């Protein structure tokens, strides 16, 4: 085999492996699914600190693809809607709504109330799938 052909095959294989490794795990970035509460950010007027939630606590939220909201973390809310890339709207059956800022990073979902009910100390809830 000619060195040029061999190098071209090797280069093509390396590029293919590189692109395959760069693919994001879509389940880690997808909102839908069941998320367990693993940390809460708490504070007393200053920047809060992350506090681990005990492993035996089974608080969770489940986002169904059809917009249904289930679980023990946000009781009373029965549906959700993605407002934009950083905001979710949770709704109750009586049409009461609450906005939550959200982000998904490294397989963790952060949720924080942003109105009409606010958390003055900047509380945030962190969930893992």
C-alpha atoms as a PDB file:
ATOM      1  CA  UNK A   1       0.000   0.000   0.000  1.00  0.00           C
ATOM      2  CA  UNK A   2       1.327   3.442  -0.865  1.00  0.00           C
ATOM      3  CA  UNK A   3       2.172   5.732   2.074  1.00  0.00           C
ATOM      4  CA  UNK A   4      -0.234   8.422   0.803  1.00  0.00           C
ATOM      5  CA  UNK A   5      -3.164   5.973   0.691  1.00  0.00           C
ATOM      6  CA  UNK A   6      -2.312   4.588   4.107  1.00  0.00           C
ATOM      7  CA  UNK A   7      -2.082   8.097   5.591  1.00  0.00           C
ATOM      8  CA  UNK A   8      -5.401   9.078   3.993  1.00  0.00           C
ATOM      9  CA  UNK A   9      -7.129   6.035   5.519  1.00  0.00           C
ATOM     10  CA  UNK A  10      -5.587   6.749   8.907  1.00  0.00           C
ATOM     11  CA  UNK A  11      -6.583  10.424   8.717  1.00  0.00           C
ATOM     12  CA  UNK A  12     -10.161   9.516   7.740  1.00  0.00           C
ATOM     13  CA  UNK A  13     -10.415   7.034  10.620  1.00  0.00           C
ATOM     14  CA  UNK A  14      -9.137   9.613  13.126  1.00  0.00           C
ATOM     15  CA  UNK A  15     -11.580  12.273  11.917  1.00  0.00           C
ATOM     16  CA  UNK A  16     -14.469   9.796  12.136  1.00  0.00           C
ATOM     17  CA  UNK A  17     -13.512   8.845  15.691  1.00  0.00           C
ATOM     18  CA  UNK A  18     -13.194  12.505  16.660  1.00  0.00           C
ATOM     19  CA  UNK A  19     -16.685  13.367  15.383  1.00  0.00           C
ATOM     20  CA  UNK A  20     -18.204  10.288  17.024  1.00  0.00           C
ATOM     21  CA  UNK A  21     -16.757  11.313  20.397  1.00  0.00           C
ATOM     22  CA  UNK A  22     -18.028  14.887  20.073  1.00  0.00           C
ATOM     23  CA  UNK A  23     -21.693  13.850  19.831  1.00  0.00           C
ATOM     24  CA  UNK A  24     -23.677  14.890  22.884  1.00  0.00           C
ATOM     25  CA  UNK A  25     -25.727  12.368  24.717  1.00  0.00           C
ATOM     26  CA  UNK A  26     -29.234  13.592  23.843  1.00  0.00           C
ATOM     27  CA  UNK A  27     -30.768  12.002  26.940  1.00  0.00           C
ATOM     28  CA  UNK A  28     -28.446  14.105  29.116  1.00  0.00           C
ATOM     29  CA  UNK A  29     -29.609  17.329  27.446  1.00  0.00           C
ATOM     30  CA  UNK A  30     -33.275  16.472  26.996  1.00  0.00           C
ATOM     31  CA  UNK A  31     -35.745  17.914  29.498  1.00  0.00           C
ATOM     32  CA  UNK A  32     -38.185  15.030  29.148  1.00  0.00           C
ATOM     33  CA  UNK A  33     -37.803  12.214  31.614  1.00  0.00           C
ATOM     34  CA  UNK A  34     -37.580  11.675  35.364  1.00  0.00           C
ATOM     35  CA  UNK A  35     -35.221  13.877  37.383  1.00  0.00           C
ATOM     36  CA  UNK A  36     -34.279  13.275  41.034  1.00  0.00           C
ATOM     37  CA  UNK A  37     -33.483  16.178  43.377  1.00  0.00           C
ATOM     38  CA  UNK A  38     -29.805  15.903  44.364  1.00  0.00           C
ATOM     39  CA  UNK A  39     -28.894  19.397  45.637  1.00  0.00           C
ATOM     40  CA  UNK A  40     -30.521  22.605  46.812  1.00  0.00           C
ATOM     41  CA  UNK A  41     -28.918  26.026  46.894  1.00  0.00           C
ATOM     42  CA  UNK A  42     -29.705  27.775  50.138  1.00  0.00           C
ATOM     43  CA  UNK A  43     -28.603  31.086  51.550  1.00  0.00           C
ATOM     44  CA  UNK A  44     -29.463  33.754  54.062  1.00  0.00           C
ATOM     45  CA  UNK A  45     -29.207  36.888  51.981  1.00  0.00           C
ATOM     46  CA  UNK A  46     -25.838  36.224  50.374  1.00  0.00           C
ATOM     47  CA  UNK A  47     -24.752  33.951  47.585  1.00  0.00           C
ATOM     48  CA  UNK A  48     -26.110  30.544  48.461  1.00  0.00           C
ATOM     49  CA  UNK A  49     -24.283  27.288  48.927  1.00  0.00           C
ATOM     50  CA  UNK A  50     -25.149  23.935  47.386  1.00  0.00           C
ATOM     51  CA  UNK A  51     -26.383  21.433  49.954  1.00  0.00           C
ATOM     52  CA  UNK A  52     -26.695  17.748  49.121  1.00  0.00           C
ATOM     53  CA  UNK A  53     -30.136  16.184  49.440  1.00  0.00           C
ATOM     54  CA  UNK A  54     -30.084  12.937  51.457  1.00  0.00           C
ATOM     55  CA  UNK A  55     -30.040   9.879  49.208  1.00  0.00           C
ATOM     56  CA  UNK A  56     -33.102   8.399  50.908  1.00  0.00           C
ATOM     57  CA  UNK A  57     -35.192  11.434  49.981  1.00  0.00           C
ATOM     58  CA  UNK A  58     -37.173  10.506  46.885  1.00  0.00           C
ATOM     59  CA  UNK A  59     -38.143  13.968  45.630  1.00  0.00           C
ATOM     60  CA  UNK A  60     -38.395  13.975  41.861  1.00  0.00           C
ATOM     61  CA  UNK A  61     -39.980  15.722  38.898  1.00  0.00           C
ATOM     62  CA  UNK A  62     -40.980  14.094  35.639  1.00  0.00           C
ATOM     63  CA  UNK A  63     -41.412  16.003  32.397  1.00  0.00           C
ATOM     64  CA  UNK A  64     -43.498  14.045  29.901  1.00  0.00           C
ATOM     65  CA  UNK A  65     -43.191  14.769  26.183  1.00  0.00           C
ATOM     66  CA  UNK A  66     -46.881  15.764  26.053  1.00  0.00           C
ATOM     67  CA  UNK A  67     -46.391  18.628  28.553  1.00  0.00           C
ATOM     68  CA  UNK A  68     -47.587  16.727  31.621  1.00  0.00           C
ATOM     69  CA  UNK A  69     -45.694  17.417  34.870  1.00  0.00           C
ATOM     70  CA  UNK A  70     -45.525  14.713  37.537  1.00  0.00           C
ATOM     71  CA  UNK A  71     -43.631  13.977  40.708  1.00  0.00           C
ATOM     72  CA  UNK A  72     -43.187  15.054  44.298  1.00  0.00           C
ATOM     73  CA  UNK A  73     -41.002  18.126  43.782  1.00  0.00           C
ATOM     74  CA  UNK A  74     -43.599  20.590  42.487  1.00  0.00           C
ATOM     75  CA  UNK A  75     -46.868  19.310  43.878  1.00  0.00           C
ATOM     76  CA  UNK A  76     -49.973  20.991  42.575  1.00  0.00           C
ATOM     77  CA  UNK A  77     -48.457  21.758  39.188  1.00  0.00           C
ATOM     78  CA  UNK A  78     -49.781  19.417  36.525  1.00  0.00           C
ATOM     79  CA  UNK A  79     -48.326  20.695  33.256  1.00  0.00           C
ATOM     80  CA  UNK A  80     -45.374  22.600  31.879  1.00  0.00           C
ATOM     81  CA  UNK A  81     -44.471  24.520  28.763  1.00  0.00           C
ATOM     82  CA  UNK A  82     -41.079  25.574  27.455  1.00  0.00           C
ATOM     83  CA  UNK A  83     -41.381  29.360  27.093  1.00  0.00           C
ATOM     84  CA  UNK A  84     -37.882  29.908  25.679  1.00  0.00           C
ATOM     85  CA  UNK A  85     -34.373  28.492  26.010  1.00  0.00           C
ATOM     86  CA  UNK A  86     -34.114  29.501  29.684  1.00  0.00           C
ATOM     87  CA  UNK A  87     -37.698  29.593  31.024  1.00  0.00           C
ATOM     88  CA  UNK A  88     -40.323  26.965  31.815  1.00  0.00           C
ATOM     89  CA  UNK A  89     -43.922  27.735  32.771  1.00  0.00           C
ATOM     90  CA  UNK A  90     -45.505  25.383  35.313  1.00  0.00           C
ATOM     91  CA  UNK A  91     -49.319  25.380  35.464  1.00  0.00           C
ATOM     92  CA  UNK A  92     -51.900  24.166  37.957  1.00  0.00           C
ATOM     93  CA  UNK A  93     -55.364  22.928  37.068  1.00  0.00           C
ATOM     94  CA  UNK A  94     -56.836  26.283  38.206  1.00  0.00           C
ATOM     95  CA  UNK A  95     -54.600  28.025  35.603  1.00  0.00           C
ATOM     96  CA  UNK A  96     -52.163  29.383  38.230  1.00  0.00           C
ATOM     97  CA  UNK A  97     -48.744  29.695  36.602  1.00  0.00           C
ATOM     98  CA  UNK A  98     -45.158  29.948  37.844  1.00  0.00           C
ATOM     99  CA  UNK A  99     -42.074  30.699  35.757  1.00  0.00           C
ATOM    100  CA  UNK A 100     -38.866  28.782  36.416  1.00  0.00           C
ATOM    101  CA  UNK A 101     -35.451  29.557  35.004  1.00  0.00           C
ATOM    102  CA  UNK A 102     -33.838  26.332  33.864  1.00  0.00           C
ATOM    103  CA  UNK A 103     -30.565  25.064  32.478  1.00  0.00           C
ATOM    104  CA  UNK A 104     -29.167  21.630  31.727  1.00  0.00           C
ATOM    105  CA  UNK A 105     -25.401  21.258  32.084  1.00  0.00           C
ATOM    106  CA  UNK A 106     -23.360  18.085  32.422  1.00  0.00           C
ATOM    107  CA  UNK A 107     -26.519  16.018  32.884  1.00  0.00           C
ATOM    108  CA  UNK A 108     -27.833  18.222  35.720  1.00  0.00           C
ATOM    109  CA  UNK A 109     -31.039  20.261  35.581  1.00  0.00           C
ATOM    110  CA  UNK A 110     -31.145  23.503  37.587  1.00  0.00           C
ATOM    111  CA  UNK A 111     -34.540  25.085  38.320  1.00  0.00           C
ATOM    112  CA  UNK A 112     -35.140  28.392  40.069  1.00  0.00           C
ATOM    113  CA  UNK A 113     -38.444  30.282  40.525  1.00  0.00           C
ATOM    114  CA  UNK A 114     -38.522  33.605  38.641  1.00  0.00           C
ATOM    115  CA  UNK A 115     -42.081  34.823  39.057  1.00  0.00           C
ATOM    116  CA  UNK A 116     -44.643  35.613  40.028  1.00  0.00           C
ATOM    117  CA  UNK A 117     -43.261  33.935  43.184  1.00  0.00           C
ATOM    118  CA  UNK A 118     -39.604  34.739  43.800  1.00  0.00           C
ATOM    119  CA  UNK A 119     -37.052  33.329  46.159  1.00  0.00           C
ATOM    120  CA  UNK A 120     -35.229  36.355  47.583  1.00  0.00           C
ATOM    121  CA  UNK A 121     -32.194  34.334  48.650  1.00  0.00           C
ATOM    122  CA  UNK A 122     -31.765  32.947  45.130  1.00  0.00           C
ATOM    123  CA  UNK A 123     -32.840  29.362  45.741  1.00  0.00           C
ATOM    124  CA  UNK A 124     -32.140  26.818  43.047  1.00  0.00           C
ATOM    125  CA  UNK A 125     -32.949  23.130  42.842  1.00  0.00           C
ATOM    126  CA  UNK A 126     -30.566  20.737  41.085  1.00  0.00           C
ATOM    127  CA  UNK A 127     -31.810  17.458  39.626  1.00  0.00           C
ATOM    128  CA  UNK A 128     -30.083  14.473  38.047  1.00  0.00           C
ATOM    129  CA  UNK A 129     -31.675  12.053  35.548  1.00  0.00           C
END
